Amino acid sequence: MRFGHVFGLIDRNSLKGFSIFIRAWDNPGLAYMVEIAVEGEYQGKGYGSYLLLWSLLHLKKNGISTVTLTVDPNNLRAQHIYCDKFGFEFVEYRKDEYGQGRDRLFLKLDLENWKQ
């Protein structure tokens, strides 16, 4: 991964989800998860977790040691997936990160010691 990578979730030749990662300019072992999305009818069935798992495995295999992301503090479902299922850890609370009233939680995953 030179600068970034996009992973797709394909079913019957149609894109049903994607994840986007960007490598940090000043730390080649660090990648930011910019976005992950799964089409509505595929949500709640494990497809997003599958997509995230294979994305993280690919990143680890290709020299990424740490992945970070932000999540809405009110999105408990996403926090459960990131923290409880995948082992992301809370780093900090960022008030107004995306503008006034749009707070975010900053999470980090150490891929070098990650046990999937």
N, C-alpha and C. Protein backbone atom coordinates (compact mmCIF):
# COMPACT_ATOMS: atom_id res chain seq x y z
N MET A 1 0.85 -1.17 0.00
CA MET A 1 0.00 0.00 0.00
C MET A 1 0.89 1.23 0.00
N ARG A 2 0.94 1.91 -1.10
CA ARG A 2 1.80 3.09 -1.17
C ARG A 2 1.19 4.29 -0.47
N PHE A 3 -0.02 4.66 -0.82
CA PHE A 3 -0.67 5.81 -0.19
C PHE A 3 -2.02 5.45 0.43
N GLY A 4 -2.70 4.50 -0.15
CA GLY A 4 -4.01 4.13 0.35
C GLY A 4 -4.51 2.87 -0.33
N HIS A 5 -5.63 2.38 0.19
CA HIS A 5 -6.19 1.16 -0.37
C HIS A 5 -7.69 1.17 -0.17
N VAL A 6 -8.40 0.67 -1.17
CA VAL A 6 -9.85 0.53 -1.11
C VAL A 6 -10.16 -0.95 -1.28
N PHE A 7 -11.01 -1.47 -0.39
CA PHE A 7 -11.44 -2.86 -0.45
C PHE A 7 -12.92 -2.87 -0.77
N GLY A 8 -13.35 -3.83 -1.58
CA GLY A 8 -14.75 -3.91 -1.96
C GLY A 8 -15.38 -5.22 -1.53
N LEU A 9 -16.65 -5.15 -1.20
CA LEU A 9 -17.46 -6.33 -0.89
C LEU A 9 -18.39 -6.52 -2.08
N ILE A 10 -18.16 -7.59 -2.83
CA ILE A 10 -18.88 -7.82 -4.08
C ILE A 10 -19.80 -9.03 -3.93
N ASP A 11 -21.03 -8.89 -4.41
CA ASP A 11 -21.97 -10.01 -4.45
C ASP A 11 -22.69 -9.96 -5.79
N ARG A 12 -22.62 -11.05 -6.51
CA ARG A 12 -23.26 -11.14 -7.83
C ARG A 12 -22.84 -9.99 -8.75
N ASN A 13 -21.54 -9.75 -8.79
CA ASN A 13 -20.95 -8.71 -9.64
C ASN A 13 -21.42 -7.30 -9.31
N SER A 14 -21.84 -7.08 -8.07
CA SER A 14 -22.31 -5.77 -7.66
C SER A 14 -21.65 -5.38 -6.34
N LEU A 15 -21.19 -4.14 -6.26
CA LEU A 15 -20.54 -3.63 -5.05
C LEU A 15 -21.58 -3.46 -3.95
N LYS A 16 -21.37 -4.14 -2.82
CA LYS A 16 -22.31 -4.08 -1.69
C LYS A 16 -21.71 -3.37 -0.47
N GLY A 17 -20.41 -3.14 -0.51
CA GLY A 17 -19.75 -2.44 0.58
C GLY A 17 -18.32 -2.12 0.21
N PHE A 18 -17.70 -1.25 1.00
CA PHE A 18 -16.31 -0.88 0.74
C PHE A 18 -15.68 -0.36 2.02
N SER A 19 -14.36 -0.41 2.06
CA SER A 19 -13.58 0.22 3.13
C SER A 19 -12.42 0.97 2.48
N ILE A 20 -12.08 2.12 3.08
CA ILE A 20 -11.02 2.96 2.53
C ILE A 20 -10.00 3.25 3.63
N PHE A 21 -8.74 3.04 3.31
CA PHE A 21 -7.63 3.30 4.23
C PHE A 21 -6.61 4.19 3.54
N ILE A 22 -6.03 5.11 4.31
CA ILE A 22 -4.97 5.99 3.81
C ILE A 22 -3.76 5.82 4.72
N ARG A 23 -2.60 5.68 4.12
CA ARG A 23 -1.36 5.57 4.88
C ARG A 23 -0.92 6.95 5.36
N ALA A 24 -0.42 7.02 6.58
CA ALA A 24 0.09 8.28 7.14
C ALA A 24 1.36 8.68 6.38
N TRP A 25 1.46 9.96 6.03
CA TRP A 25 2.63 10.43 5.28
C TRP A 25 3.90 10.33 6.10
N ASP A 26 3.81 10.61 7.40
CA ASP A 26 5.01 10.66 8.24
C ASP A 26 5.30 9.36 8.98
N ASN A 27 4.44 8.34 8.81
CA ASN A 27 4.63 7.06 9.48
C ASN A 27 4.10 5.96 8.57
N PRO A 28 4.97 5.31 7.79
CA PRO A 28 4.50 4.33 6.81
C PRO A 28 3.86 3.09 7.42
N GLY A 29 3.98 2.89 8.73
CA GLY A 29 3.35 1.75 9.38
C GLY A 29 1.96 2.04 9.90
N LEU A 30 1.50 3.28 9.73
CA LEU A 30 0.22 3.72 10.26
C LEU A 30 -0.76 3.98 9.12
N ALA A 31 -1.97 3.43 9.25
CA ALA A 31 -3.03 3.70 8.28
C ALA A 31 -4.27 4.20 9.01
N TYR A 32 -4.96 5.14 8.38
CA TYR A 32 -6.22 5.66 8.89
C TYR A 32 -7.36 5.00 8.11
N MET A 33 -8.35 4.48 8.83
CA MET A 33 -9.55 4.01 8.15
C MET A 33 -10.43 5.23 7.93
N VAL A 34 -10.57 5.62 6.70
CA VAL A 34 -11.33 6.81 6.34
C VAL A 34 -12.82 6.51 6.35
N GLU A 35 -13.19 5.35 5.85
CA GLU A 35 -14.61 5.01 5.78
C GLU A 35 -14.80 3.52 5.58
N ILE A 36 -15.92 3.03 6.10
CA ILE A 36 -16.40 1.69 5.80
C ILE A 36 -17.91 1.80 5.67
N ALA A 37 -18.45 1.18 4.66
CA ALA A 37 -19.89 1.25 4.42
C ALA A 37 -20.37 -0.06 3.81
N VAL A 38 -21.57 -0.45 4.21
CA VAL A 38 -22.20 -1.66 3.68
C VAL A 38 -23.64 -1.30 3.33
N GLU A 39 -24.07 -1.73 2.17
CA GLU A 39 -25.44 -1.47 1.71
C GLU A 39 -26.46 -1.97 2.74
N GLY A 40 -27.53 -1.24 2.88
CA GLY A 40 -28.53 -1.49 3.91
C GLY A 40 -28.99 -2.93 4.05
N GLU A 41 -29.31 -3.60 2.96
CA GLU A 41 -29.82 -4.97 3.04
C GLU A 41 -28.74 -5.96 3.49
N TYR A 42 -27.49 -5.56 3.48
CA TYR A 42 -26.39 -6.43 3.89
C TYR A 42 -25.93 -6.14 5.32
N GLN A 43 -26.49 -5.11 5.93
CA GLN A 43 -26.10 -4.75 7.30
C GLN A 43 -26.72 -5.71 8.31
N GLY A 44 -26.02 -5.92 9.43
CA GLY A 44 -26.51 -6.78 10.49
C GLY A 44 -26.40 -8.26 10.20
N LYS A 45 -25.67 -8.63 9.16
CA LYS A 45 -25.53 -10.04 8.77
C LYS A 45 -24.09 -10.50 8.78
N GLY A 46 -23.19 -9.66 9.29
CA GLY A 46 -21.78 -10.04 9.38
C GLY A 46 -20.93 -9.64 8.19
N TYR A 47 -21.52 -9.06 7.17
CA TYR A 47 -20.75 -8.68 5.99
C TYR A 47 -19.75 -7.57 6.28
N GLY A 48 -20.15 -6.60 7.10
CA GLY A 48 -19.24 -5.52 7.46
C GLY A 48 -18.05 -6.03 8.25
N SER A 49 -18.30 -6.95 9.18
CA SER A 49 -17.22 -7.55 9.96
C SER A 49 -16.29 -8.34 9.05
N TYR A 50 -16.86 -9.07 8.11
CA TYR A 50 -16.07 -9.83 7.15
C TYR A 50 -15.18 -8.90 6.32
N LEU A 51 -15.76 -7.81 5.85
CA LEU A 51 -15.01 -6.82 5.07
C LEU A 51 -13.88 -6.22 5.90
N LEU A 52 -14.18 -5.84 7.13
CA LEU A 52 -13.16 -5.26 7.99
C LEU A 52 -12.06 -6.26 8.30
N LEU A 53 -12.43 -7.50 8.59
CA LEU A 53 -11.44 -8.54 8.88
C LEU A 53 -10.46 -8.70 7.73
N TRP A 54 -10.96 -8.88 6.53
CA TRP A 54 -10.07 -9.10 5.39
C TRP A 54 -9.28 -7.85 5.03
N SER A 55 -9.84 -6.68 5.27
CA SER A 55 -9.10 -5.44 5.06
C SER A 55 -7.91 -5.37 6.02
N LEU A 56 -8.17 -5.64 7.29
CA LEU A 56 -7.10 -5.59 8.30
C LEU A 56 -6.04 -6.65 8.06
N LEU A 57 -6.45 -7.85 7.68
CA LEU A 57 -5.48 -8.91 7.38
C LEU A 57 -4.57 -8.50 6.22
N HIS A 58 -5.15 -7.91 5.19
CA HIS A 58 -4.36 -7.46 4.04
C HIS A 58 -3.38 -6.35 4.46
N LEU A 59 -3.86 -5.40 5.26
CA LEU A 59 -2.98 -4.32 5.71
C LEU A 59 -1.82 -4.87 6.53
N LYS A 60 -2.12 -5.78 7.45
CA LYS A 60 -1.08 -6.37 8.29
C LYS A 60 -0.04 -7.10 7.43
N LYS A 61 -0.52 -7.87 6.48
CA LYS A 61 0.36 -8.63 5.58
C LYS A 61 1.26 -7.70 4.76
N ASN A 62 0.79 -6.48 4.54
CA ASN A 62 1.53 -5.53 3.71
C ASN A 62 2.22 -4.43 4.50
N GLY A 63 2.58 -4.72 5.75
CA GLY A 63 3.46 -3.84 6.51
C GLY A 63 2.82 -2.77 7.36
N ILE A 64 1.50 -2.75 7.45
CA ILE A 64 0.85 -1.77 8.32
C ILE A 64 0.82 -2.35 9.73
N SER A 65 1.31 -1.59 10.70
CA SER A 65 1.38 -2.06 12.09
C SER A 65 0.30 -1.47 12.98
N THR A 66 -0.27 -0.33 12.57
CA THR A 66 -1.29 0.34 13.38
C THR A 66 -2.37 0.91 12.47
N VAL A 67 -3.63 0.74 12.89
CA VAL A 67 -4.76 1.32 12.19
C VAL A 67 -5.53 2.18 13.18
N THR A 68 -5.89 3.38 12.74
CA THR A 68 -6.68 4.27 13.58
C THR A 68 -7.96 4.64 12.83
N LEU A 69 -8.95 5.08 13.60
CA LEU A 69 -10.21 5.52 13.02
C LEU A 69 -10.92 6.41 14.03
N THR A 70 -11.94 7.11 13.56
CA THR A 70 -12.82 7.84 14.46
C THR A 70 -14.22 7.31 14.28
N VAL A 71 -15.00 7.41 15.35
CA VAL A 71 -16.38 6.94 15.32
C VAL A 71 -17.23 7.89 16.16
N ASP A 72 -18.48 8.03 15.76
CA ASP A 72 -19.43 8.86 16.51
C ASP A 72 -19.62 8.25 17.91
N PRO A 73 -19.52 9.05 18.96
CA PRO A 73 -19.70 8.53 20.32
C PRO A 73 -21.06 7.88 20.55
N ASN A 74 -22.06 8.24 19.76
CA ASN A 74 -23.39 7.68 19.90
C ASN A 74 -23.60 6.41 19.08
N ASN A 75 -22.63 6.04 18.26
CA ASN A 75 -22.75 4.85 17.41
C ASN A 75 -22.24 3.64 18.19
N LEU A 76 -23.07 3.14 19.09
CA LEU A 76 -22.68 2.02 19.96
C LEU A 76 -22.48 0.73 19.18
N ARG A 77 -23.24 0.56 18.12
CA ARG A 77 -23.09 -0.65 17.29
C ARG A 77 -21.70 -0.72 16.66
N ALA A 78 -21.26 0.40 16.10
CA ALA A 78 -19.92 0.44 15.49
C ALA A 78 -18.84 0.28 16.55
N GLN A 79 -19.02 0.93 17.70
CA GLN A 79 -18.04 0.79 18.78
C GLN A 79 -17.92 -0.66 19.22
N HIS A 80 -19.05 -1.36 19.30
CA HIS A 80 -19.03 -2.78 19.67
C HIS A 80 -18.21 -3.60 18.67
N ILE A 81 -18.44 -3.33 17.40
CA ILE A 81 -17.70 -4.08 16.37
C ILE A 81 -16.21 -3.76 16.45
N TYR A 82 -15.87 -2.48 16.47
CA TYR A 82 -14.46 -2.10 16.47
C TYR A 82 -13.74 -2.56 17.73
N CYS A 83 -14.31 -2.30 18.88
CA CYS A 83 -13.63 -2.57 20.16
C CYS A 83 -13.79 -4.00 20.63
N ASP A 84 -15.01 -4.47 20.69
CA ASP A 84 -15.26 -5.80 21.25
C ASP A 84 -14.90 -6.94 20.30
N LYS A 85 -15.19 -6.77 19.02
CA LYS A 85 -14.91 -7.83 18.05
C LYS A 85 -13.49 -7.79 17.50
N PHE A 86 -12.96 -6.57 17.30
CA PHE A 86 -11.67 -6.46 16.62
C PHE A 86 -10.53 -5.98 17.51
N GLY A 87 -10.82 -5.49 18.69
CA GLY A 87 -9.75 -5.12 19.62
C GLY A 87 -9.24 -3.70 19.51
N PHE A 88 -9.95 -2.83 18.79
CA PHE A 88 -9.55 -1.42 18.78
C PHE A 88 -9.66 -0.89 20.20
N GLU A 89 -8.77 0.02 20.54
CA GLU A 89 -8.75 0.61 21.88
C GLU A 89 -9.02 2.11 21.80
N PHE A 90 -9.73 2.60 22.81
CA PHE A 90 -10.03 4.02 22.92
C PHE A 90 -8.75 4.79 23.18
N VAL A 91 -8.52 5.86 22.43
CA VAL A 91 -7.35 6.71 22.60
C VAL A 91 -7.76 8.05 23.21
N GLU A 92 -8.76 8.69 22.60
CA GLU A 92 -9.20 9.97 23.13
C GLU A 92 -10.57 10.36 22.58
N TYR A 93 -11.20 11.28 23.31
CA TYR A 93 -12.47 11.87 22.90
C TYR A 93 -12.14 13.21 22.25
N ARG A 94 -12.64 13.43 21.04
CA ARG A 94 -12.34 14.66 20.31
C ARG A 94 -13.62 15.48 20.12
N LYS A 95 -13.74 16.51 20.91
CA LYS A 95 -14.91 17.38 20.85
C LYS A 95 -14.84 18.23 19.58
N ASP A 96 -15.97 18.33 18.90
CA ASP A 96 -16.11 19.15 17.69
C ASP A 96 -15.11 18.77 16.59
N GLU A 97 -14.72 17.52 16.54
CA GLU A 97 -13.74 17.05 15.55
C GLU A 97 -14.19 17.32 14.11
N TYR A 98 -15.47 17.12 13.84
CA TYR A 98 -16.01 17.32 12.48
C TYR A 98 -16.90 18.56 12.43
N GLY A 99 -16.64 19.54 13.28
CA GLY A 99 -17.45 20.74 13.35
C GLY A 99 -18.21 20.79 14.66
N GLN A 100 -18.81 21.92 14.94
CA GLN A 100 -19.49 22.12 16.22
C GLN A 100 -20.59 21.07 16.43
N GLY A 101 -20.50 20.41 17.59
CA GLY A 101 -21.47 19.39 17.95
C GLY A 101 -21.26 18.05 17.29
N ARG A 102 -20.16 17.89 16.57
CA ARG A 102 -19.86 16.62 15.87
C ARG A 102 -18.61 16.02 16.48
N ASP A 103 -18.80 15.46 17.66
CA ASP A 103 -17.70 14.86 18.41
C ASP A 103 -17.36 13.48 17.84
N ARG A 104 -16.15 13.03 18.14
CA ARG A 104 -15.69 11.71 17.67
C ARG A 104 -14.88 11.03 18.76
N LEU A 105 -14.90 9.71 18.74
CA LEU A 105 -13.98 8.90 19.53
C LEU A 105 -12.85 8.49 18.61
N PHE A 106 -11.62 8.59 19.08
CA PHE A 106 -10.45 8.19 18.32
C PHE A 106 -10.02 6.82 18.83
N LEU A 107 -9.98 5.83 17.94
CA LEU A 107 -9.65 4.45 18.30
C LEU A 107 -8.40 3.99 17.55
N LYS A 108 -7.70 3.02 18.14
CA LYS A 108 -6.45 2.52 17.54
C LYS A 108 -6.38 1.01 17.70
N LEU A 109 -5.82 0.35 16.67
CA LEU A 109 -5.59 -1.09 16.70
C LEU A 109 -4.12 -1.36 16.39
N ASP A 110 -3.47 -2.10 17.29
CA ASP A 110 -2.08 -2.52 17.10
C ASP A 110 -2.10 -3.83 16.32
N LEU A 111 -1.84 -3.77 15.02
CA LEU A 111 -1.88 -4.95 14.18
C LEU A 111 -0.73 -5.92 14.46
N GLU A 112 0.38 -5.43 14.96
CA GLU A 112 1.51 -6.31 15.24
C GLU A 112 1.18 -7.34 16.31
N ASN A 113 0.36 -6.97 17.27
CA ASN A 113 -0.01 -7.88 18.36
C ASN A 113 -1.47 -8.32 18.30
N TRP A 114 -2.10 -8.07 17.17
CA TRP A 114 -3.53 -8.35 17.00
C TRP A 114 -3.77 -9.85 16.84
N LYS A 115 -4.74 -10.33 17.59
CA LYS A 115 -5.15 -11.73 17.50
C LYS A 115 -6.55 -11.75 16.91
N GLN A 116 -6.65 -12.08 15.63
CA GLN A 116 -7.96 -12.12 15.00
C GLN A 116 -8.59 -13.40 15.32
